[in-house]
C-alpha atoms as a PDB file:
ATOM      1  CA  MET A   1      -0.016   0.005   0.005  1.00  0.00           C
ATOM      2  CA  ILE A   2       1.431   3.402  -0.916  1.00  0.00           C
ATOM      3  CA  PHE A   3       0.334   6.760   0.466  1.00  0.00           C
ATOM      4  CA  ARG A   4       1.631   9.986  -1.004  1.00  0.00           C
ATOM      5  CA  TYR A   5       1.952  13.611   0.000  1.00  0.00           C
ATOM      6  CA  SER A   6       3.562  16.212  -2.162  1.00  0.00           C
ATOM      7  CA  ARG A   7       7.059  17.517  -1.381  1.00  0.00           C
ATOM      8  CA  LYS A   8       7.681  20.113  -4.062  1.00  0.00           C
ATOM      9  CA  ARG A   9       6.371  23.501  -3.249  1.00  0.00           C
ATOM     10  CA  ILE A  10       5.881  22.689   0.444  1.00  0.00           C
ATOM     11  CA  THR A  11       3.423  19.981  -0.413  1.00  0.00           C
ATOM     12  CA  THR A  12       5.706  17.123  -1.306  1.00  0.00           C
ATOM     13  CA  GLY A  13       5.556  13.564  -2.355  1.00  0.00           C
ATOM     14  CA  ILE A  14       6.487  10.988   0.201  1.00  0.00           C
ATOM     15  CA  SER A  15       5.574   7.348  -0.180  1.00  0.00           C
ATOM     16  CA  PHE A  16       5.025   4.991   2.758  1.00  0.00           C
ATOM     17  CA  ILE A  17       5.323   1.204   2.671  1.00  0.00           C
ATOM     18  CA  GLY A  18       4.102  -0.074   5.996  1.00  0.00           C
ATOM     19  CA  LEU A  19       3.699  -3.197   8.048  1.00  0.00           C
ATOM     20  CA  PHE A  20       1.746  -3.337  11.318  1.00  0.00           C
ATOM     21  CA  ALA A  21       2.813  -4.649  14.704  1.00  0.00           C
ATOM     22  CA  VAL A  22      -0.786  -5.917  15.113  1.00  0.00           C
ATOM     23  CA  ALA A  23      -2.993  -7.552  12.599  1.00  0.00           C
ATOM     24  CA  ILE A  24      -4.566  -4.689  10.616  1.00  0.00           C
ATOM     25  CA  SER A  25      -5.837  -5.348   7.130  1.00  0.00           C
ATOM     26  CA  VAL A  26      -5.499  -3.101   4.193  1.00  0.00           C
ATOM     27  CA  ALA A  27      -9.248  -3.017   4.073  1.00  0.00           C
ATOM     28  CA  ASP A  28      -9.345  -1.449   7.521  1.00  0.00           C
ATOM     29  CA  ILE A  29      -7.130   1.397   6.311  1.00  0.00           C
ATOM     30  CA  ASP A  30      -9.068   1.901   3.132  1.00  0.00           C
ATOM     31  CA  ASN A  31     -12.393   2.153   4.919  1.00  0.00           C
ATOM     32  CA  GLY A  32     -11.090   4.681   7.345  1.00  0.00           C
ATOM     33  CA  SER A  33     -11.416   2.594  10.538  1.00  0.00           C
ATOM     34  CA  VAL A  34      -7.629   2.849  11.142  1.00  0.00           C
ATOM     35  CA  PRO A  35      -5.840   6.191  10.707  1.00  0.00           C
ATOM     36  CA  LYS A  36      -3.329   6.244   7.904  1.00  0.00           C
ATOM     37  CA  GLU A  37      -0.797   7.635  10.362  1.00  0.00           C
ATOM     38  CA  VAL A  38      -0.616   4.152  11.851  1.00  0.00           C
ATOM     39  CA  VAL A  39       1.225   3.027   8.664  1.00  0.00           C
ATOM     40  CA  THR A  40       4.188   5.174   9.621  1.00  0.00           C
ATOM     41  CA  LYS A  41       4.659   3.549  13.009  1.00  0.00           C
ATOM     42  CA  VAL A  42       6.284   0.279  12.008  1.00  0.00           C
ATOM     43  CA  LEU A  43       8.452  -0.330   8.940  1.00  0.00           C
ATOM     44  CA  GLU A  44      10.067  -3.520   7.637  1.00  0.00           C
ATOM     45  CA  VAL A  45      13.727  -3.115   6.722  1.00  0.00           C
ATOM     46  CA  LYS A  46      15.923  -5.502   4.778  1.00  0.00           C
ATOM     47  CA  SER A  47      17.102  -7.361   7.830  1.00  0.00           C
ATOM     48  CA  GLY A  48      13.503  -8.276   8.620  1.00  0.00           C
ATOM     49  CA  ASP A  49      13.639  -6.293  11.954  1.00  0.00           C
ATOM     50  CA  MET A  50      10.817  -4.029  12.857  1.00  0.00           C
ATOM     51  CA  LEU A  51      11.940  -0.362  13.007  1.00  0.00           C
ATOM     52  CA  LYS A  52       9.731   1.797  15.277  1.00  0.00           C
ATOM     53  CA  LEU A  53      10.545   5.241  13.994  1.00  0.00           C
ATOM     54  CA  ASP A  54       7.957   7.185  15.955  1.00  0.00           C
ATOM     55  CA  GLU A  55       9.392   5.869  19.238  1.00  0.00           C
ATOM     56  CA  MET A  56      12.923   7.168  18.468  1.00  0.00           C
ATOM     57  CA  ASN A  57      14.322  10.275  20.050  1.00  0.00           C
ATOM     58  CA  ASP A  58      15.026  13.263  17.718  1.00  0.00           C
ATOM     59  CA  ALA A  59      18.779  12.499  17.328  1.00  0.00           C
ATOM     60  CA  ASP A  60      18.242   8.880  16.292  1.00  0.00           C
ATOM     61  CA  LEU A  61      15.337   9.811  14.001  1.00  0.00           C
ATOM     62  CA  ILE A  62      17.573  12.361  12.229  1.00  0.00           C
ATOM     63  CA  LYS A  63      20.096   9.599  11.584  1.00  0.00           C
ATOM     64  CA  MET A  64      17.314   7.680   9.779  1.00  0.00           C
ATOM     65  CA  LEU A  65      17.342  10.369   7.117  1.00  0.00           C
ATOM     66  CA  SER A  66      20.328   8.543   5.581  1.00  0.00           C
ATOM     67  CA  HIS A  67      19.027   5.013   6.071  1.00  0.00           C
ATOM     68  CA  GLU A  68      19.647   2.573   3.218  1.00  0.00           C
ATOM     69  CA  SER A  69      15.941   2.029   2.829  1.00  0.00           C
ATOM     70  CA  TYR A  70      14.163   4.757   0.867  1.00  0.00           C
ATOM     71  CA  ALA A  71      10.893   4.063   2.751  1.00  0.00           C
ATOM     72  CA  VAL A  72      12.632   4.607   6.074  1.00  0.00           C
ATOM     73  CA  ARG A  73      14.207   7.879   4.869  1.00  0.00           C
ATOM     74  CA  GLU A  74      10.833   9.123   3.673  1.00  0.00           C
ATOM     75  CA  ASP A  75       9.008   8.166   6.813  1.00  0.00           C
ATOM     76  CA  ALA A  76      11.692   9.701   9.045  1.00  0.00           C
ATOM     77  CA  SER A  77      11.305  13.007   7.076  1.00  0.00           C
ATOM     78  CA  ILE A  78       7.538  13.214   7.680  1.00  0.00           C
ATOM     79  CA  LEU A  79       7.828  12.253  11.377  1.00  0.00           C
ATOM     80  CA  LEU A  80      10.490  14.950  11.946  1.00  0.00           C
ATOM     81  CA  TRP A  81       8.354  17.492  10.083  1.00  0.00           C
ATOM     82  CA  LYS A  82       5.391  16.582  12.373  1.00  0.00           C
ATOM     83  CA  ARG A  83       7.634  17.221  15.425  1.00  0.00           C
ATOM     84  CA  GLY A  84       8.159  20.699  14.065  1.00  0.00           C
ATOM     85  CA  VAL A  85       9.885  23.455  15.986  1.00  0.00           C
ATOM     86  CA  SER A  86      11.069  21.166  18.789  1.00  0.00           C
ATOM     87  CA  VAL A  87      13.587  19.485  16.386  1.00  0.00           C
ATOM     88  CA  LEU A  88      14.717  22.639  14.675  1.00  0.00           C
ATOM     89  CA  LYS A  89      17.985  23.193  16.567  1.00  0.00           C
ATOM     90  CA  LYS A  90      18.969  19.530  16.196  1.00  0.00           C
ATOM     91  CA  LEU A  91      18.345  19.679  12.451  1.00  0.00           C
ATOM     92  CA  GLU A  92      20.359  22.864  12.178  1.00  0.00           C
ATOM     93  CA  SER A  93      23.308  21.100  13.869  1.00  0.00           C
ATOM     94  CA  ALA A  94      22.890  17.940  11.722  1.00  0.00           C
ATOM     95  CA  VAL A  95      23.123  19.766   8.385  1.00  0.00           C
ATOM     96  CA  LEU A  96      26.480  21.386   9.200  1.00  0.00           C
ATOM     97  CA  GLY A  97      28.153  18.194   8.231  1.00  0.00           C
ATOM     98  CA  GLY A  98      27.671  14.502   7.701  1.00  0.00           C
ATOM     99  CA  HIS A  99      25.832  12.326   5.227  1.00  0.00           C
ATOM    100  CA  PRO A 100      24.651  14.191   2.074  1.00  0.00           C
ATOM    101  CA  GLU A 101      21.119  12.773   2.460  1.00  0.00           C
ATOM    102  CA  VAL A 102      20.896  14.140   5.994  1.00  0.00           C
ATOM    103  CA  VAL A 103      22.033  17.558   4.811  1.00  0.00           C
ATOM    104  CA  SER A 104      19.637  17.604   1.868  1.00  0.00           C
ATOM    105  CA  ARG A 105      16.591  16.371   3.738  1.00  0.00           C
ATOM    106  CA  GLY A 106      17.505  18.347   6.845  1.00  0.00           C
ATOM    107  CA  ASN A 107      17.698  21.689   4.982  1.00  0.00           C
ATOM    108  CA  GLU A 108      14.373  20.961   3.345  1.00  0.00           C
ATOM    109  CA  LEU A 109      12.733  20.334   6.707  1.00  0.00           C
ATOM    110  CA  ILE A 110      14.352  23.400   8.242  1.00  0.00           C
ATOM    111  CA  ARG A 111      12.942  25.536   5.422  1.00  0.00           C
ATOM    112  CA  TYR A 112       9.400  24.217   5.955  1.00  0.00           C
ATOM    113  CA  ILE A 113       9.507  24.483   9.752  1.00  0.00           C
ATOM    114  CA  ARG A 114      10.918  27.996   9.783  1.00  0.00           C
ATOM    115  CA  THR A 115       8.217  29.253   7.471  1.00  0.00           C
ATOM    116  CA  GLY A 116       5.513  27.804   9.661  1.00  0.00           C
ATOM    117  CA  ILE A 117       4.319  25.103   7.327  1.00  0.00           C
ATOM    118  CA  SER A 118       3.389  21.726   8.859  1.00  0.00           C
ATOM    119  CA  PRO A 119       2.154  18.529   7.240  1.00  0.00           C
ATOM    120  CA  THR A 120      -1.343  19.308   8.520  1.00  0.00           C
ATOM    121  CA  SER A 121      -1.439  22.969   7.327  1.00  0.00           C
ATOM    122  CA  SER A 122      -4.483  23.749   5.282  1.00  0.00           C
ATOM    123  CA  ASP A 123      -4.175  25.190   1.756  1.00  0.00           C
ATOM    124  CA  GLN A 124      -5.437  28.485   3.067  1.00  0.00           C
ATOM    125  CA  VAL A 125      -2.750  28.668   5.775  1.00  0.00           C
ATOM    126  CA  LYS A 126      -0.063  27.709   3.234  1.00  0.00           C
ATOM    127  CA  LYS A 127      -1.192  30.462   0.857  1.00  0.00           C
ATOM    128  CA  LEU A 128      -1.080  33.066   3.614  1.00  0.00           C
ATOM    129  CA  VAL A 129       2.365  31.955   4.847  1.00  0.00           C
ATOM    130  CA  HIS A 130       3.796  32.178   1.287  1.00  0.00           C
ATOM    131  CA  ALA A 131       2.231  35.602   0.774  1.00  0.00           C
ATOM    132  CA  PHE A 132       3.731  36.861   4.033  1.00  0.00           C
ATOM    133  CA  GLN A 133       7.306  36.468   2.781  1.00  0.00           C
ATOM    134  CA  SER A 134       7.078  39.203   0.145  1.00  0.00           C
ATOM    135  CA  ALA A 135       4.327  41.375   1.674  1.00  0.00           C
ATOM    136  CA  ASP A 136       4.879  44.913   2.897  1.00  0.00           C
ATOM    137  CA  ALA A 137       4.275  45.869   6.579  1.00  0.00           C
ATOM    138  CA  ARG A 138       0.586  46.662   6.091  1.00  0.00           C
ATOM    139  CA  GLU A 139      -0.114  43.494   4.222  1.00  0.00           C
ATOM    140  CA  LYS A 140       1.872  41.473   6.822  1.00  0.00           C
ATOM    141  CA  LYS A 141      -0.450  42.779   9.505  1.00  0.00           C
ATOM    142  CA  ARG A 142      -3.552  41.754   7.463  1.00  0.00           C
ATOM    143  CA  ILE A 143      -2.089  38.243   6.893  1.00  0.00           C
ATOM    144  CA  LEU A 144      -1.364  37.853  10.620  1.00  0.00           C
ATOM    145  CA  THR A 145      -4.865  38.914  11.496  1.00  0.00           C
ATOM    146  CA  GLU A 146      -6.228  36.281   9.143  1.00  0.00           C
ATOM    147  CA  LEU A 147      -3.979  33.598  10.539  1.00  0.00           C
ATOM    148  CA  SER A 148      -4.994  34.589  14.048  1.00  0.00           C
ATOM    149  CA  ARG A 149      -8.628  34.095  13.005  1.00  0.00           C
ATOM    150  CA  LEU A 150      -7.672  30.647  11.758  1.00  0.00           C
ATOM    151  CA  LYS A 151      -5.876  29.965  15.130  1.00  0.00           C
ATOM    152  CA  ALA A 152      -2.623  29.274  13.240  1.00  0.00           C
ATOM    153  CA  TYR A 153      -0.673  30.591  16.219  1.00  0.00           C
ATOM    154  CA  SER A 154       2.550  28.532  15.819  1.00  0.00           C
ATOM    155  CA  GLN A 155       2.768  29.521  12.145  1.00  0.00           C
ATOM    156  CA  MET A 156       2.487  33.194  13.129  1.00  0.00           C
ATOM    157  CA  LEU A 157       5.151  32.925  15.796  1.00  0.00           C
ATOM    158  CA  LEU A 158       7.613  31.046  13.531  1.00  0.00           C
ATOM    159  CA  MET A 159       7.073  33.581  10.702  1.00  0.00           C
ATOM    160  CA  LEU A 160       7.753  36.491  13.026  1.00  0.00           C
ATOM    161  CA  ALA A 161      10.819  34.802  14.524  1.00  0.00           C
ATOM    162  CA  ASP A 162      12.229  34.247  11.054  1.00  0.00           C
ATOM    163  CA  MET A 163      11.959  37.857   9.910  1.00  0.00           C
ATOM    164  CA  LYS A 164      15.214  39.689   9.280  1.00  0.00           C
ATOM    165  CA  ASP A 165      13.678  43.090  10.170  1.00  0.00           C
ATOM    166  CA  ARG A 166      13.713  42.575  13.951  1.00  0.00           C
ATOM    167  CA  GLU A 167      12.167  45.967  14.672  1.00  0.00           C
ATOM    168  CA  LEU A 168       9.169  45.298  12.461  1.00  0.00           C
ATOM    169  CA  SER A 169       8.969  41.780  13.853  1.00  0.00           C
ATOM    170  CA  LYS A 170       8.672  43.118  17.419  1.00  0.00           C
ATOM    171  CA  GLU A 171       6.164  45.685  16.329  1.00  0.00           C
ATOM    172  CA  LEU A 172       3.999  43.018  14.721  1.00  0.00           C
ATOM    173  CA  TYR A 173       4.460  40.712  17.714  1.00  0.00           C
ATOM    174  CA  ASP A 174       3.288  43.403  20.120  1.00  0.00           C
ATOM    175  CA  ASP A 175      -0.014  43.422  18.323  1.00  0.00           C
ATOM    176  CA  TYR A 176      -0.484  39.808  19.481  1.00  0.00           C
ATOM    177  CA  ASN A 177       1.218  39.964  22.905  1.00  0.00           C
ATOM    178  CA  ASN A 178      -0.203  36.624  24.016  1.00  0.00           C
ATOM    179  CA  LEU A 179       0.794  34.883  20.804  1.00  0.00           C
ATOM    180  CA  ALA A 180       3.484  32.651  22.294  1.00  0.00           C
ATOM    181  CA  PHE A 181       1.183  31.460  25.056  1.00  0.00           C
ATOM    182  CA  ALA A 182      -1.606  30.792  22.590  1.00  0.00           C
ATOM    183  CA  ALA A 183       0.807  28.773  20.379  1.00  0.00           C
ATOM    184  CA  ALA A 184       2.210  26.873  23.406  1.00  0.00           C
ATOM    185  CA  GLY A 185      -1.252  26.206  24.715  1.00  0.00           C
ATOM    186  CA  LYS A 186      -2.340  24.670  21.397  1.00  0.00           C
ATOM    187  CA  ALA A 187       0.778  22.476  21.357  1.00  0.00           C
ATOM    188  CA  ILE A 188       0.054  21.280  24.907  1.00  0.00           C
ATOM    189  CA  GLY A 189      -3.514  20.499  23.888  1.00  0.00           C
ATOM    190  CA  ASP A 190      -2.049  18.389  21.105  1.00  0.00           C
ATOM    191  CA  GLY A 191       0.087  16.565  23.666  1.00  0.00           C
ATOM    192  CA  ASP A 192       3.348  18.073  22.405  1.00  0.00           C
ATOM    193  CA  HIS A 193       5.048  19.776  25.410  1.00  0.00           C
ATOM    194  CA  SER A 194       8.493  19.862  23.660  1.00  0.00           C
ATOM    195  CA  SER A 195       7.025  22.062  20.931  1.00  0.00           C
ATOM    196  CA  ALA A 196       5.249  24.200  23.537  1.00  0.00           C
ATOM    197  CA  ILE A 197       8.597  25.003  25.239  1.00  0.00           C
ATOM    198  CA  ALA A 198      10.348  25.621  21.879  1.00  0.00           C
ATOM    199  CA  LEU A 199       7.552  27.988  20.807  1.00  0.00           C
ATOM    200  CA  LEU A 200       7.772  29.945  24.016  1.00  0.00           C
ATOM    201  CA  ASN A 201      11.545  30.212  23.429  1.00  0.00           C
ATOM    202  CA  LEU A 202      10.865  32.023  20.157  1.00  0.00           C
ATOM    203  CA  ALA A 203       8.954  34.828  21.913  1.00  0.00           C
ATOM    204  CA  PRO A 204      10.608  38.085  23.124  1.00  0.00           C
ATOM    205  CA  LYS A 205      12.125  37.290  26.428  1.00  0.00           C
ATOM    206  CA  SER A 206      10.244  38.276  29.618  1.00  0.00           C
ATOM    207  CA  ALA A 207       9.691  37.079  33.134  1.00  0.00           C
ATOM    208  CA  ALA A 208       6.297  35.586  32.139  1.00  0.00           C
ATOM    209  CA  VAL A 209       7.896  33.601  29.248  1.00  0.00           C
ATOM    210  CA  TYR A 210      10.720  32.323  31.461  1.00  0.00           C
ATOM    211  CA  ARG A 211       8.309  31.382  34.223  1.00  0.00           C
ATOM    212  CA  ALA A 212       6.139  29.439  31.817  1.00  0.00           C
ATOM    213  CA  MET A 213       9.114  27.528  30.321  1.00  0.00           C
ATOM    214  CA  ALA A 214      10.395  26.641  33.779  1.00  0.00           C
ATOM    215  CA  TYR A 215       6.974  25.443  34.831  1.00  0.00           C
ATOM    216  CA  LEU A 216       6.623  23.223  31.731  1.00  0.00           C
ATOM    217  CA  HIS A 217      10.065  21.688  32.260  1.00  0.00           C
ATOM    218  CA  ALA A 218       9.099  20.904  35.850  1.00  0.00           C
ATOM    219  CA  ARG A 219       5.659  19.608  34.844  1.00  0.00           C
ATOM    220  CA  TYR A 220       6.970  17.244  32.180  1.00  0.00           C
ATOM    221  CA  GLY A 221      10.030  15.946  33.953  1.00  0.00           C
ATOM    222  CA  THR A 222      12.817  17.747  31.980  1.00  0.00           C
ATOM    223  CA  LEU A 223      13.788  20.290  34.642  1.00  0.00           C
ATOM    224  CA  ASN A 224      17.056  18.698  35.637  1.00  0.00           C
ATOM    225  CA  ASP A 225      17.998  18.196  31.958  1.00  0.00           C
ATOM    226  CA  GLU A 226      17.449  21.852  31.233  1.00  0.00           C
ATOM    227  CA  ILE A 227      19.407  22.949  34.312  1.00  0.00           C
ATOM    228  CA  ASN A 228      22.271  20.698  33.285  1.00  0.00           C
ATOM    229  CA  ARG A 229      22.111  21.958  29.718  1.00  0.00           C
ATOM    230  CA  LEU A 230      22.533  25.567  30.862  1.00  0.00           C
ATOM    231  CA  ALA A 231      25.398  24.529  33.183  1.00  0.00           C
ATOM    232  CA  GLY A 232      27.280  23.317  30.127  1.00  0.00           C
ATOM    233  CA  LEU A 233      26.890  26.593  28.266  1.00  0.00           C
ATOM    234  CA  ASP A 234      29.164  29.637  28.222  1.00  0.00           C
ATOM    235  CA  ILE A 235      28.017  31.747  31.183  1.00  0.00           C
ATOM    236  CA  ALA A 236      27.568  34.753  28.860  1.00  0.00           C
ATOM    237  CA  LYS A 237      24.869  32.790  26.952  1.00  0.00           C
ATOM    238  CA  VAL A 238      22.794  31.991  30.032  1.00  0.00           C
ATOM    239  CA  ASP A 239      20.089  34.358  31.174  1.00  0.00           C
ATOM    240  CA  ASP A 240      20.237  34.618  34.965  1.00  0.00           C
ATOM    241  CA  GLU A 241      16.492  35.316  35.278  1.00  0.00           C
ATOM    242  CA  TYR A 242      15.613  32.138  33.364  1.00  0.00           C
ATOM    243  CA  GLU A 243      18.040  30.111  35.464  1.00  0.00           C
ATOM    244  CA  ASP A 244      16.439  31.476  38.631  1.00  0.00           C
ATOM    245  CA  PHE A 245      12.972  30.452  37.508  1.00  0.00           C
ATOM    246  CA  LEU A 246      14.232  26.950  36.755  1.00  0.00           C
ATOM    247  CA  HIS A 247      15.696  26.579  40.182  1.00  0.00           C
ATOM    248  CA  LEU A 248      12.602  27.999  41.833  1.00  0.00           C
ATOM    249  CA  GLU A 249      10.756  24.988  40.357  1.00  0.00           C
ATOM    250  CA  ILE A 250      12.959  22.621  42.333  1.00  0.00           C
ATOM    251  CA  GLN A 251      11.080  20.806  45.061  1.00  0.00           C
ATOM    252  CA  GLY A 252      12.995  21.211  48.350  1.00  0.00           C
ATOM    253  CA  ARG A 253      14.338  24.227  50.145  1.00  0.00           C
ATOM    254  CA  ASP A 254      17.774  22.670  50.778  1.00  0.00           C
ATOM    255  CA  GLU A 255      18.461  22.526  47.014  1.00  0.00           C
ATOM    256  CA  LEU A 256      17.199  26.043  46.608  1.00  0.00           C
ATOM    257  CA  ARG A 257      19.472  27.252  49.399  1.00  0.00           C
ATOM    258  CA  LYS A 258      22.517  25.587  47.815  1.00  0.00           C
ATOM    259  CA  TYR A 259      21.760  27.320  44.522  1.00  0.00           C
ATOM    260  CA  GLY A 260      21.193  30.686  46.254  1.00  0.00           C
ATOM    261  CA  GLU A 261      24.450  30.468  48.245  1.00  0.00           C
ATOM    262  CA  ALA A 262      26.472  29.337  45.235  1.00  0.00           C
ATOM    263  CA  ASN A 263      25.222  32.182  43.092  1.00  0.00           C
ATOM    264  CA  LYS A 264      24.952  34.835  45.755  1.00  0.00           C
ATOM    265  CA  LYS A 265      21.120  35.270  45.449  1.00  0.00           C
ATOM    266  CA  GLY A 266      20.541  37.443  48.504  1.00  0.00           C
ATOM    267  CA  GLY A 267      16.834  37.784  47.846  1.00  0.00           C
ATOM    268  CA  LEU A 268      16.299  34.036  47.569  1.00  0.00           C
ATOM    269  CA  ILE A 269      18.276  33.199  50.727  1.00  0.00           C
ATOM    270  CA  SER A 270      16.595  35.863  52.796  1.00  0.00           C
ATOM    271  CA  THR A 271      13.146  34.649  51.637  1.00  0.00           C
ATOM    272  CA  LEU A 272      14.062  31.058  52.669  1.00  0.00           C
ATOM    273  CA  ASP A 273      15.145  32.367  56.052  1.00  0.00           C
ATOM    274  CA  LEU A 274      11.854  34.178  56.394  1.00  0.00           C
ATOM    275  CA  LEU A 275       9.922  30.977  55.609  1.00  0.00           C
ATOM    276  CA  GLU A 276      11.868  29.269  58.313  1.00  0.00           C
ATOM    277  CA  GLY A 277      10.956  31.985  60.845  1.00  0.00           C
ATOM    278  CA  ASP A 278      14.060  34.227  60.684  1.00  0.00           C
ATOM    279  CA  PRO A 279      13.197  37.675  59.261  1.00  0.00           C
ATOM    280  CA  MET A 280      16.525  39.406  59.899  1.00  0.00           C
ATOM    281  CA  LYS A 281      18.104  38.815  56.477  1.00  0.00           C
ATOM    282  CA  VAL A 282      14.889  39.911  54.810  1.00  0.00           C
ATOM    283  CA  TYR A 283      14.937  43.112  56.831  1.00  0.00           C
ATOM    284  CA  ASP A 284      18.493  43.777  55.779  1.00  0.00           C
ATOM    285  CA  TYR A 285      17.904  42.888  52.140  1.00  0.00           C
ATOM    286  CA  TYR A 286      14.879  45.184  51.808  1.00  0.00           C
ATOM    287  CA  SER A 287      16.348  48.070  53.715  1.00  0.00           C
ATOM    288  CA  ARG A 288      19.395  48.215  51.436  1.00  0.00           C
ATOM    289  CA  ASN A 289      17.311  48.159  48.260  1.00  0.00           C
ATOM    290  CA  LYS A 290      15.918  51.530  47.355  1.00  0.00           C
ATOM    291  CA  ALA A 291      13.204  50.353  45.030  1.00  0.00           C
ATOM    292  CA  LEU A 292       9.795  51.561  46.223  1.00  0.00           C
ATOM    293  CA  ALA A 293       8.285  48.063  45.995  1.00  0.00           C
ATOM    294  CA  ASN A 294      10.998  46.628  48.127  1.00  0.00           C
ATOM    295  CA  LYS A 295      10.749  49.471  50.684  1.00  0.00           C
ATOM    296  CA  THR A 296       6.985  48.790  50.905  1.00  0.00           C
ATOM    297  CA  GLY A 297       7.685  45.085  51.384  1.00  0.00           C
ATOM    298  CA  PHE A 298      10.120  45.882  54.107  1.00  0.00           C
ATOM    299  CA  VAL A 299       7.537  47.954  55.984  1.00  0.00           C
ATOM    300  CA  VAL A 300       4.861  45.321  55.660  1.00  0.00           C
ATOM    301  CA  LEU A 301       7.171  42.494  56.930  1.00  0.00           C
ATOM    302  CA  LYS A 302       8.468  44.622  59.770  1.00  0.00           C
ATOM    303  CA  SER A 303       4.923  45.470  60.776  1.00  0.00           C
ATOM    304  CA  LEU A 304       3.811  41.862  60.733  1.00  0.00           C
ATOM    305  CA  TYR A 305       6.765  40.623  62.692  1.00  0.00           C
ATOM    306  CA  GLU A 306       6.375  43.327  65.354  1.00  0.00           C
ATOM    307  CA  GLY A 307       2.765  42.320  65.839  1.00  0.00           C
ATOM    308  CA  LYS A 308       1.275  45.367  64.098  1.00  0.00           C
ATOM    309  CA  GLY A 309      -0.021  43.670  60.937  1.00  0.00           C
ATOM    310  CA  SER A 310      -3.645  44.197  61.759  1.00  0.00           C
ATOM    311  CA  GLU A 311      -3.058  47.916  62.325  1.00  0.00           C
ATOM    312  CA  PHE A 312      -1.052  48.534  59.182  1.00  0.00           C
END
């Protein structure tokens, strides 16, 4: 059985030759009782082994782009395309060198993902995305409004992130200031938390974005991996605010205190002391900071600890 999708002009032609891990007849596929996507799950290779592509991690799946079997290469391409923005950085690294087939297919996938086109994009969305590339600023705004109406949030975010005119990109993004959260929310609804984090990472950096990314890493069990990834980077490339939010998701005050002491986070350490019943460091921290909000916090805390909270 062969299924096709078109590969030239964004809609490309990939063929799939599938076998099933369970007994599913061709008739079941043809009558629609089994989704066609099931065909991509298990492929037969020359050795006779069953190759479960959709269960592979991103790095191993990228390697399959140069597999000796054409069917495996094609299926790996469509699966990576479906994973979308979450595999973008890995693809960008993979095409820097290596097997020619990986470079060729990888560059093609990068081009599709960066422009916001996915295998499930409607013809209307594809048309708008293509038109956006050459449109002037006014037309770009109209296209974004139409894409927003279609709830094509991830496409909008990817298109804006790929713009070379960063000033115009920010101006357009500001018209949709919840865009990153809408795109991430849709990805979470689709069960794709990796793409949700990657989409948030494309947004202009802010405390709200960092907090959301840290929360998702904690929620889906990748918090320690992300902390370790940052630890391996050049310190100049690490945003302290994002790192703080990651560590604030750690369960356990002892670990938080170790982080605070190692990185001289006075506010964090004094807050932990306050939670443990010792307000002195908080008093000192707030009194030395001249910001109005901190001065107000100092007065409130002092009032509460001196038994005057109800009178304040």
